N, C-alpha and C. Protein backbone atom coordinates (compact mmCIF):
# COMPACT_ATOMS: atom_id res chain seq x y z
N MET A 1 2.38 46.07 -94.62
CA MET A 1 2.97 44.94 -95.49
C MET A 1 3.41 43.69 -94.44
N ALA A 2 2.75 42.45 -94.88
CA ALA A 2 3.29 41.41 -94.00
C ALA A 2 4.20 40.97 -94.11
N PHE A 3 4.50 39.76 -93.17
CA PHE A 3 6.11 39.03 -92.85
C PHE A 3 6.30 38.25 -93.92
N GLU A 4 7.21 37.79 -93.86
CA GLU A 4 7.63 36.25 -94.84
C GLU A 4 8.23 35.40 -94.01
N ILE A 5 7.86 34.20 -93.80
CA ILE A 5 8.32 32.98 -93.56
C ILE A 5 9.76 32.29 -94.10
N GLU A 6 10.61 31.89 -93.85
CA GLU A 6 11.67 31.13 -94.93
C GLU A 6 11.82 30.44 -93.30
N PHE A 7 12.77 28.60 -94.29
CA PHE A 7 12.29 27.81 -93.36
C PHE A 7 14.17 28.18 -93.77
N TYR A 8 14.71 27.70 -92.52
CA TYR A 8 15.98 27.62 -92.21
C TYR A 8 16.63 26.55 -93.61
N SER A 9 17.14 26.31 -93.99
CA SER A 9 18.30 25.37 -94.76
C SER A 9 19.63 25.44 -94.38
N SER A 10 19.83 23.87 -94.24
CA SER A 10 21.50 23.77 -94.13
C SER A 10 22.39 24.33 -95.19
N GLU A 11 23.64 23.59 -95.24
CA GLU A 11 24.51 23.96 -96.53
C GLU A 11 23.92 22.86 -97.31
N ASP A 12 23.61 21.85 -96.79
CA ASP A 12 23.34 20.49 -97.60
C ASP A 12 22.05 20.94 -97.86
N GLY A 13 21.19 21.71 -98.21
CA GLY A 13 20.01 22.16 -98.64
C GLY A 13 18.67 21.29 -97.46
N ARG A 14 18.86 20.94 -96.42
CA ARG A 14 18.21 19.94 -95.20
C ARG A 14 17.10 21.12 -94.95
N GLU A 15 15.83 21.19 -94.87
CA GLU A 15 14.68 22.06 -94.20
C GLU A 15 14.41 21.42 -92.81
N PRO A 16 14.84 21.44 -91.96
CA PRO A 16 14.19 20.66 -90.46
C PRO A 16 13.14 21.11 -90.47
N VAL A 17 13.00 22.14 -90.51
CA VAL A 17 11.24 22.68 -89.99
C VAL A 17 10.06 22.15 -91.23
N ALA A 18 10.54 22.15 -92.40
CA ALA A 18 9.40 21.51 -93.75
C ALA A 18 10.05 19.79 -92.74
N GLU A 19 11.11 19.13 -92.52
CA GLU A 19 10.94 17.91 -92.48
C GLU A 19 10.10 17.63 -91.07
N PHE A 20 10.15 18.51 -90.48
CA PHE A 20 9.28 18.37 -88.97
C PHE A 20 8.10 18.40 -89.28
N LEU A 21 7.66 19.59 -90.29
CA LEU A 21 6.08 19.36 -90.25
C LEU A 21 5.77 18.15 -90.93
N ASP A 22 6.16 17.32 -91.87
CA ASP A 22 6.07 16.24 -92.81
C ASP A 22 5.74 15.23 -92.05
N SER A 23 6.66 15.42 -90.71
CA SER A 23 6.19 13.91 -89.83
C SER A 23 5.46 14.71 -88.70
N LEU A 24 4.67 14.93 -88.48
CA LEU A 24 3.50 15.68 -88.09
C LEU A 24 2.42 14.63 -88.45
N ASP A 25 1.02 14.64 -87.79
CA ASP A 25 0.29 14.49 -88.42
C ASP A 25 -0.87 15.28 -88.91
N SER A 26 -2.00 15.02 -89.73
CA SER A 26 -2.13 15.90 -90.69
C SER A 26 -3.00 17.35 -89.69
N LYS A 27 -3.76 16.71 -88.78
CA LYS A 27 -4.40 17.85 -88.49
C LYS A 27 -3.16 18.42 -87.34
N MET A 28 -2.65 18.15 -87.22
CA MET A 28 -1.55 19.04 -86.33
C MET A 28 -0.52 19.95 -87.51
N SER A 29 -0.45 19.37 -88.42
CA SER A 29 0.48 20.24 -89.16
C SER A 29 -0.21 21.16 -89.74
N ALA A 30 -1.61 20.75 -90.25
CA ALA A 30 -2.35 22.33 -90.98
C ALA A 30 -2.45 23.05 -89.80
N LYS A 31 -2.74 22.72 -88.63
CA LYS A 31 -2.99 23.84 -87.27
C LYS A 31 -1.64 24.80 -87.73
N LEU A 32 -0.44 23.93 -87.48
CA LEU A 32 0.76 24.60 -87.28
C LEU A 32 0.76 25.74 -88.31
N VAL A 33 0.70 24.80 -89.67
CA VAL A 33 0.66 25.64 -91.03
C VAL A 33 -0.57 27.07 -90.92
N GLY A 34 -1.23 26.91 -90.40
CA GLY A 34 -2.45 27.98 -90.03
C GLY A 34 -1.75 29.21 -89.38
N LEU A 35 -1.40 28.66 -88.14
CA LEU A 35 -0.80 29.78 -86.92
C LEU A 35 1.05 29.86 -87.72
N MET A 36 1.47 29.49 -88.94
CA MET A 36 2.51 30.40 -89.45
C MET A 36 1.81 31.41 -90.50
N GLU A 37 0.73 31.24 -90.56
CA GLU A 37 0.08 32.30 -91.63
C GLU A 37 -0.35 33.66 -90.85
N ILE A 38 -0.90 33.24 -89.65
CA ILE A 38 -1.39 33.94 -88.32
C ILE A 38 -0.09 35.06 -88.30
N LEU A 39 1.46 34.29 -88.21
CA LEU A 39 2.11 35.07 -87.56
C LEU A 39 2.84 35.72 -88.42
N GLU A 40 2.81 34.84 -90.00
CA GLU A 40 3.18 35.83 -90.86
C GLU A 40 2.32 37.68 -91.40
N GLU A 41 0.98 37.53 -90.96
CA GLU A 41 0.52 38.39 -90.84
C GLU A 41 0.26 39.47 -89.67
N LYS A 42 0.81 38.48 -88.47
CA LYS A 42 0.81 40.00 -87.26
C LYS A 42 2.31 40.20 -86.97
N GLY A 43 3.04 39.39 -87.69
CA GLY A 43 4.61 39.29 -87.22
C GLY A 43 5.14 39.86 -85.81
N THR A 44 5.82 41.14 -85.60
CA THR A 44 5.99 40.96 -83.98
C THR A 44 4.75 41.21 -83.05
N GLU A 45 3.49 41.75 -83.60
CA GLU A 45 2.39 41.48 -82.82
C GLU A 45 2.22 40.30 -81.78
N LEU A 46 2.18 39.13 -82.58
CA LEU A 46 1.79 37.93 -82.26
C LEU A 46 2.31 38.02 -80.75
N ARG A 47 1.37 37.62 -79.87
CA ARG A 47 1.90 36.92 -78.70
C ARG A 47 1.23 35.84 -78.11
N MET A 48 1.04 35.81 -77.04
CA MET A 48 0.71 34.53 -76.09
C MET A 48 -0.91 34.27 -76.11
N PRO A 49 -1.56 33.44 -76.29
CA PRO A 49 -0.71 32.42 -76.15
C PRO A 49 -0.45 31.26 -77.47
N TYR A 50 0.10 32.04 -78.68
CA TYR A 50 0.51 31.81 -79.76
C TYR A 50 1.80 31.76 -80.14
N SER A 51 2.48 32.67 -79.68
CA SER A 51 3.82 33.27 -79.85
C SER A 51 4.35 33.79 -78.77
N GLU A 52 5.80 33.24 -78.14
CA GLU A 52 6.46 33.76 -76.64
C GLU A 52 7.91 34.09 -77.24
N HIS A 53 8.49 34.68 -76.27
CA HIS A 53 9.88 35.19 -77.03
C HIS A 53 10.58 34.74 -75.32
N LEU A 54 10.89 33.75 -75.90
CA LEU A 54 12.39 32.65 -74.79
C LEU A 54 13.43 33.66 -74.64
N GLU A 55 14.75 33.85 -75.23
CA GLU A 55 15.62 34.29 -74.72
C GLU A 55 16.17 34.88 -76.03
N ASP A 56 17.04 36.20 -75.89
CA ASP A 56 18.07 36.29 -77.09
C ASP A 56 17.36 36.27 -78.24
N GLY A 57 16.58 36.87 -78.57
CA GLY A 57 15.60 37.37 -79.86
C GLY A 57 15.04 35.71 -80.71
N ILE A 58 15.01 34.99 -79.76
CA ILE A 58 14.93 32.99 -80.33
C ILE A 58 13.40 33.08 -79.95
N PHE A 59 12.31 33.25 -80.61
CA PHE A 59 11.03 32.91 -80.05
C PHE A 59 10.21 31.54 -80.19
N GLU A 60 9.10 31.07 -79.79
CA GLU A 60 8.50 29.81 -80.46
C GLU A 60 7.12 30.51 -80.49
N LEU A 61 6.64 29.25 -81.81
CA LEU A 61 5.29 29.30 -82.28
C LEU A 61 4.76 28.24 -81.65
N ARG A 62 3.78 28.74 -80.97
CA ARG A 62 3.40 27.14 -79.60
C ARG A 62 1.73 26.97 -80.58
N CYS A 63 1.84 25.58 -80.51
CA CYS A 63 0.33 24.91 -81.32
C CYS A 63 0.20 24.06 -80.28
N LYS A 64 -1.34 23.75 -80.29
CA LYS A 64 -2.06 22.30 -79.46
C LYS A 64 -2.77 21.91 -80.38
N GLN A 65 -2.94 20.62 -80.28
CA GLN A 65 -4.22 19.91 -80.70
C GLN A 65 -4.18 18.62 -80.12
N GLY A 66 -5.47 18.42 -79.12
CA GLY A 66 -6.12 17.71 -78.55
C GLY A 66 -4.61 17.92 -77.32
N SER A 67 -4.03 16.70 -76.96
CA SER A 67 -3.20 16.46 -76.02
C SER A 67 -2.04 16.96 -76.54
N ASN A 68 -1.92 16.67 -77.58
CA ASN A 68 -0.25 17.22 -78.30
C ASN A 68 0.38 18.64 -78.58
N ILE A 69 1.68 18.83 -78.11
CA ILE A 69 2.03 20.29 -78.13
C ILE A 69 2.80 20.06 -78.99
N THR A 70 3.25 20.93 -79.85
CA THR A 70 4.59 21.26 -80.83
C THR A 70 5.01 22.62 -80.77
N ARG A 71 5.92 23.00 -80.88
CA ARG A 71 6.52 23.97 -81.34
C ARG A 71 7.77 24.87 -82.26
N VAL A 72 7.80 25.40 -82.79
CA VAL A 72 8.43 25.65 -83.91
C VAL A 72 9.13 27.11 -83.37
N MET A 73 10.50 27.08 -83.43
CA MET A 73 11.70 27.78 -82.58
C MET A 73 11.54 28.84 -84.33
N TYR A 74 11.65 30.09 -83.89
CA TYR A 74 12.25 31.03 -84.76
C TYR A 74 12.57 32.32 -84.61
N PHE A 75 12.87 33.59 -85.49
CA PHE A 75 13.71 34.67 -85.46
C PHE A 75 13.15 35.59 -86.23
N PHE A 76 13.24 36.81 -85.93
CA PHE A 76 13.32 37.89 -86.79
C PHE A 76 14.16 38.60 -87.44
N TYR A 77 14.04 38.87 -88.91
CA TYR A 77 15.71 39.49 -89.63
C TYR A 77 15.05 40.74 -90.47
N VAL A 78 15.80 41.36 -90.82
CA VAL A 78 15.45 42.56 -91.28
C VAL A 78 14.92 42.30 -92.62
N GLY A 79 13.91 43.25 -92.99
CA GLY A 79 13.00 43.81 -94.11
C GLY A 79 11.74 42.33 -93.78
N LYS A 80 11.43 42.51 -92.68
CA LYS A 80 9.80 41.89 -92.49
C LYS A 80 10.22 40.42 -92.61
N LYS A 81 11.61 39.84 -92.03
CA LYS A 81 11.50 38.31 -92.82
C LYS A 81 11.71 37.75 -91.49
N ILE A 82 11.19 36.33 -90.96
CA ILE A 82 11.21 35.34 -90.28
C ILE A 82 11.25 33.87 -90.71
N VAL A 83 12.54 33.85 -89.68
CA VAL A 83 13.37 32.33 -90.13
C VAL A 83 13.03 31.12 -89.10
N ALA A 84 12.27 30.60 -89.86
CA ALA A 84 11.83 29.03 -88.39
C ALA A 84 13.03 28.26 -88.82
N THR A 85 13.67 27.77 -87.82
CA THR A 85 14.96 27.25 -87.36
C THR A 85 14.77 25.52 -86.94
N ASN A 86 14.02 25.41 -86.07
CA ASN A 86 13.58 23.67 -85.85
C ASN A 86 12.21 24.16 -85.57
N GLY A 87 11.68 22.51 -85.38
CA GLY A 87 10.28 22.38 -84.44
C GLY A 87 10.57 21.00 -83.83
N PHE A 88 9.74 20.89 -82.91
CA PHE A 88 10.06 19.52 -81.84
C PHE A 88 8.18 19.61 -80.92
N VAL A 89 7.95 18.49 -80.60
CA VAL A 89 7.22 17.84 -79.90
C VAL A 89 7.01 18.24 -78.71
N LYS A 90 6.51 19.00 -78.26
CA LYS A 90 6.95 19.39 -76.69
C LYS A 90 6.53 18.33 -75.77
N LYS A 91 6.88 18.17 -74.85
CA LYS A 91 7.03 16.42 -73.83
C LYS A 91 7.21 16.90 -72.09
N THR A 92 7.60 18.20 -72.24
CA THR A 92 7.74 18.75 -71.05
C THR A 92 7.09 19.90 -70.23
N GLN A 93 7.25 20.42 -69.25
CA GLN A 93 6.44 22.02 -68.57
C GLN A 93 7.35 22.68 -69.64
N LYS A 94 9.13 22.80 -69.97
CA LYS A 94 10.20 23.98 -70.02
C LYS A 94 10.49 23.81 -71.42
N THR A 95 10.59 24.49 -72.00
CA THR A 95 11.29 24.31 -73.54
C THR A 95 12.74 23.24 -73.49
N PRO A 96 12.50 22.59 -74.10
CA PRO A 96 14.16 22.01 -73.37
C PRO A 96 15.26 22.94 -74.17
N ALA A 97 16.61 22.72 -72.93
CA ALA A 97 17.31 23.56 -73.64
C ALA A 97 17.94 23.51 -74.72
N LYS A 98 18.24 21.82 -75.09
CA LYS A 98 19.00 21.80 -76.25
C LYS A 98 17.89 21.80 -77.69
N GLU A 99 16.75 22.37 -77.72
CA GLU A 99 16.26 22.71 -78.47
C GLU A 99 16.43 24.34 -78.76
N LEU A 100 16.76 25.38 -77.79
CA LEU A 100 17.02 26.32 -77.81
C LEU A 100 18.36 27.00 -78.34
N LYS A 101 19.18 25.85 -78.03
CA LYS A 101 20.46 25.96 -78.16
C LYS A 101 20.45 25.76 -79.55
N LEU A 102 19.87 24.82 -80.47
CA LEU A 102 19.84 24.72 -81.74
C LEU A 102 19.65 25.46 -82.49
N ALA A 103 18.34 26.37 -81.88
CA ALA A 103 17.87 27.68 -82.70
C ALA A 103 18.72 28.88 -82.82
N LYS A 104 19.67 28.78 -81.43
CA LYS A 104 20.49 29.92 -81.81
C LYS A 104 21.58 29.48 -82.56
N GLU A 105 22.12 27.94 -82.76
CA GLU A 105 23.35 27.81 -83.42
C GLU A 105 22.59 27.75 -85.52
N ARG A 106 21.34 27.28 -85.58
CA ARG A 106 20.83 27.61 -86.48
C ARG A 106 20.75 29.12 -87.27
N ARG A 107 20.32 29.65 -86.24
CA ARG A 107 20.41 31.37 -86.49
C ARG A 107 21.40 31.74 -86.83
N ALA A 108 22.74 31.65 -85.75
CA ALA A 108 23.96 31.92 -86.36
C ALA A 108 24.79 31.64 -87.69
N ASP A 109 24.46 29.94 -87.83
CA ASP A 109 24.74 29.46 -89.42
C ASP A 109 23.91 30.41 -90.01
N TRP A 110 22.76 30.63 -90.33
CA TRP A 110 21.88 31.28 -91.50
C TRP A 110 22.63 33.17 -91.46
N LEU A 111 22.60 33.70 -90.45
CA LEU A 111 23.06 34.77 -90.73
C LEU A 111 24.75 34.73 -91.10
N SER A 112 25.75 33.69 -90.79
CA SER A 112 26.72 34.00 -91.70
C SER A 112 26.75 33.94 -92.96
N ARG A 113 25.90 32.70 -93.35
CA ARG A 113 25.69 32.73 -94.84
C ARG A 113 24.25 33.72 -95.64
N HIS A 114 24.17 34.91 -94.81
CA HIS A 114 22.80 36.04 -95.32
C HIS A 114 23.27 37.38 -95.21
N LYS A 115 24.46 37.22 -95.09
CA LYS A 115 24.94 39.04 -95.06
C LYS A 115 24.94 39.56 -95.68
N GLU A 116 24.52 40.87 -95.71
CA GLU A 116 23.71 42.01 -96.92
C GLU A 116 25.46 42.17 -97.27
N GLY A 117 25.51 42.38 -98.66
CA GLY A 117 26.97 42.99 -99.08
C GLY A 117 27.90 41.99 -98.96
């Protein structure tokens, strides 16, 4: 069974990853959406250079189009679900700590609102 990607949505209904995809040029957006489809297909089996575990259960989907590099942070959830928390254009060698922190905060928020039972 394939995985399913869900975009994190804030309490007010905003979907930061959808907004991020809309902000990209069409080629980068299309490539990132294609990678998300591969992620849905491969799930936990997707590895470098497309996906990397960063820390504490947070992963990044890695996309390069020309000289532009984008990342989408995500985590896995029970029942073959992948929750994409945030996206950013990468400008430095290392993933910015603020993006990792944001992914963890959004995961905590998502989990608190999606508890089973």
